[in-house]
N, C-alpha and C. Protein backbone atom coordinates (compact mmCIF):
# COMPACT_ATOMS: atom_id res chain seq x y z
N MET A 1 5.38 -3.86 -11.33
CA MET A 1 4.78 -2.61 -11.75
C MET A 1 5.81 -1.85 -12.59
N SER A 2 5.42 -1.39 -13.76
CA SER A 2 6.33 -0.64 -14.61
C SER A 2 6.54 0.77 -14.06
N ASP A 3 7.61 1.42 -14.50
CA ASP A 3 7.90 2.78 -14.04
C ASP A 3 6.75 3.73 -14.33
N SER A 4 6.08 3.56 -15.46
CA SER A 4 4.98 4.47 -15.80
C SER A 4 3.76 4.28 -14.90
N GLU A 5 3.66 3.14 -14.23
CA GLU A 5 2.53 2.87 -13.34
C GLU A 5 2.80 3.30 -11.89
N LYS A 6 4.05 3.58 -11.58
CA LYS A 6 4.41 3.95 -10.21
C LYS A 6 3.98 5.39 -9.94
N PRO A 7 3.44 5.65 -8.74
CA PRO A 7 3.04 7.02 -8.41
C PRO A 7 4.26 7.93 -8.30
N THR A 8 4.06 9.19 -8.63
CA THR A 8 5.13 10.17 -8.54
C THR A 8 5.43 10.50 -7.09
N TYR A 9 4.41 10.49 -6.24
CA TYR A 9 4.54 10.86 -4.83
C TYR A 9 4.02 9.73 -3.97
N ARG A 10 4.76 9.43 -2.92
CA ARG A 10 4.30 8.44 -1.94
C ARG A 10 4.58 8.96 -0.54
N LEU A 11 3.68 8.69 0.38
CA LEU A 11 3.90 9.00 1.78
C LEU A 11 3.96 7.67 2.52
N LEU A 12 5.15 7.34 2.98
CA LEU A 12 5.35 6.10 3.72
C LEU A 12 5.12 6.40 5.20
N THR A 13 4.32 5.58 5.85
CA THR A 13 4.01 5.78 7.27
C THR A 13 4.11 4.45 8.00
N GLY A 14 4.31 4.53 9.29
CA GLY A 14 4.32 3.32 10.09
C GLY A 14 4.98 3.53 11.43
N VAL A 15 5.14 2.43 12.13
CA VAL A 15 5.83 2.42 13.42
C VAL A 15 7.32 2.62 13.15
N ASP A 16 7.98 3.36 14.01
CA ASP A 16 9.42 3.60 13.86
C ASP A 16 10.18 2.34 14.25
N ASP A 17 10.37 1.46 13.27
CA ASP A 17 11.07 0.21 13.52
C ASP A 17 11.90 -0.17 12.29
N HIS A 18 12.55 -1.30 12.36
CA HIS A 18 13.39 -1.78 11.27
C HIS A 18 12.60 -1.94 9.97
N ALA A 19 11.40 -2.45 10.07
CA ALA A 19 10.58 -2.67 8.87
C ALA A 19 10.29 -1.36 8.13
N PHE A 20 10.06 -0.28 8.87
CA PHE A 20 9.83 1.01 8.24
C PHE A 20 11.09 1.48 7.52
N CYS A 21 12.23 1.34 8.16
CA CYS A 21 13.50 1.72 7.53
C CYS A 21 13.74 0.92 6.25
N VAL A 22 13.39 -0.34 6.27
CA VAL A 22 13.53 -1.18 5.07
C VAL A 22 12.61 -0.67 3.96
N ARG A 23 11.38 -0.30 4.29
CA ARG A 23 10.45 0.22 3.28
C ARG A 23 10.98 1.49 2.63
N VAL A 24 11.54 2.40 3.43
CA VAL A 24 12.12 3.63 2.88
C VAL A 24 13.33 3.28 2.02
N SER A 25 14.18 2.40 2.49
CA SER A 25 15.36 1.99 1.72
C SER A 25 14.97 1.35 0.40
N GLU A 26 13.93 0.54 0.40
CA GLU A 26 13.46 -0.09 -0.84
C GLU A 26 12.94 0.96 -1.82
N ALA A 27 12.23 1.96 -1.32
CA ALA A 27 11.74 3.03 -2.19
C ALA A 27 12.91 3.78 -2.81
N LEU A 28 13.94 4.06 -2.03
CA LEU A 28 15.12 4.75 -2.55
C LEU A 28 15.82 3.89 -3.60
N ALA A 29 15.94 2.61 -3.36
CA ALA A 29 16.56 1.71 -4.33
C ALA A 29 15.74 1.61 -5.60
N ASP A 30 14.44 1.87 -5.49
CA ASP A 30 13.53 1.79 -6.64
C ASP A 30 13.48 3.10 -7.43
N GLY A 31 14.31 4.07 -7.06
CA GLY A 31 14.39 5.30 -7.82
C GLY A 31 13.73 6.51 -7.19
N TYR A 32 13.08 6.34 -6.06
CA TYR A 32 12.48 7.48 -5.36
C TYR A 32 13.57 8.25 -4.62
N VAL A 33 13.31 9.50 -4.34
CA VAL A 33 14.21 10.32 -3.52
C VAL A 33 13.40 10.91 -2.38
N LEU A 34 14.08 11.18 -1.28
CA LEU A 34 13.41 11.76 -0.12
C LEU A 34 12.85 13.13 -0.48
N TYR A 35 11.68 13.43 0.04
CA TYR A 35 11.05 14.73 -0.19
C TYR A 35 10.72 15.33 1.17
N GLY A 36 11.48 16.33 1.56
CA GLY A 36 11.26 16.96 2.86
C GLY A 36 11.80 16.13 4.00
N SER A 37 11.56 16.62 5.19
CA SER A 37 12.04 15.96 6.40
C SER A 37 11.05 14.91 6.86
N PRO A 38 11.54 13.89 7.57
CA PRO A 38 10.61 12.92 8.15
C PRO A 38 9.80 13.59 9.26
N SER A 39 8.68 13.00 9.55
CA SER A 39 7.81 13.49 10.62
C SER A 39 7.62 12.36 11.61
N CYS A 40 7.51 12.69 12.88
CA CYS A 40 7.26 11.64 13.87
C CYS A 40 6.38 12.17 14.98
N THR A 41 5.68 11.26 15.59
CA THR A 41 4.83 11.59 16.73
C THR A 41 4.78 10.39 17.65
N TYR A 42 4.49 10.64 18.90
CA TYR A 42 4.40 9.57 19.88
C TYR A 42 2.93 9.24 20.12
N ASP A 43 2.61 7.96 20.05
CA ASP A 43 1.25 7.48 20.33
C ASP A 43 1.23 6.97 21.77
N PRO A 44 0.70 7.77 22.70
CA PRO A 44 0.74 7.36 24.10
C PRO A 44 -0.14 6.15 24.41
N ASP A 45 -1.21 5.97 23.63
CA ASP A 45 -2.08 4.82 23.86
C ASP A 45 -1.38 3.50 23.53
N GLN A 46 -0.57 3.53 22.48
CA GLN A 46 0.16 2.33 22.06
C GLN A 46 1.58 2.28 22.62
N GLY A 47 2.05 3.43 23.13
CA GLY A 47 3.40 3.50 23.67
C GLY A 47 4.48 3.33 22.62
N ARG A 48 4.28 3.96 21.45
CA ARG A 48 5.27 3.80 20.38
C ARG A 48 5.35 5.05 19.50
N MET A 49 6.46 5.17 18.81
CA MET A 49 6.68 6.27 17.88
C MET A 49 6.12 5.90 16.52
N LEU A 50 5.45 6.86 15.88
CA LEU A 50 4.95 6.70 14.52
C LEU A 50 5.71 7.68 13.64
N VAL A 51 6.06 7.25 12.43
CA VAL A 51 6.87 8.08 11.54
C VAL A 51 6.25 8.15 10.16
N ALA A 52 6.64 9.19 9.42
CA ALA A 52 6.19 9.37 8.04
C ALA A 52 7.34 9.97 7.25
N GLN A 53 7.48 9.53 6.00
CA GLN A 53 8.49 10.10 5.11
C GLN A 53 7.90 10.15 3.71
N ALA A 54 7.92 11.33 3.12
CA ALA A 54 7.47 11.49 1.75
C ALA A 54 8.63 11.19 0.81
N VAL A 55 8.33 10.54 -0.30
CA VAL A 55 9.30 10.27 -1.35
C VAL A 55 8.66 10.60 -2.70
N ILE A 56 9.50 11.04 -3.65
CA ILE A 56 9.02 11.36 -4.99
C ILE A 56 9.90 10.69 -6.03
N ARG A 57 9.32 10.51 -7.22
CA ARG A 57 10.11 10.02 -8.37
C ARG A 57 10.49 11.22 -9.20
N PRO A 58 11.79 11.44 -9.38
CA PRO A 58 12.23 12.61 -10.15
C PRO A 58 11.86 12.49 -11.63
């Protein structure tokens, strides 16, 4: 995907695990920067933490 096709804003969401950290790291390596603080919540039905991080392209 070319730079002009990439969205300016992305909200990355998922389970708080290594794979999520890799996705955020890949977005940063691709030129995105963190936008605001991460958000997290506990899903008691699944017994796991869910996280979200917004990133933007400057």
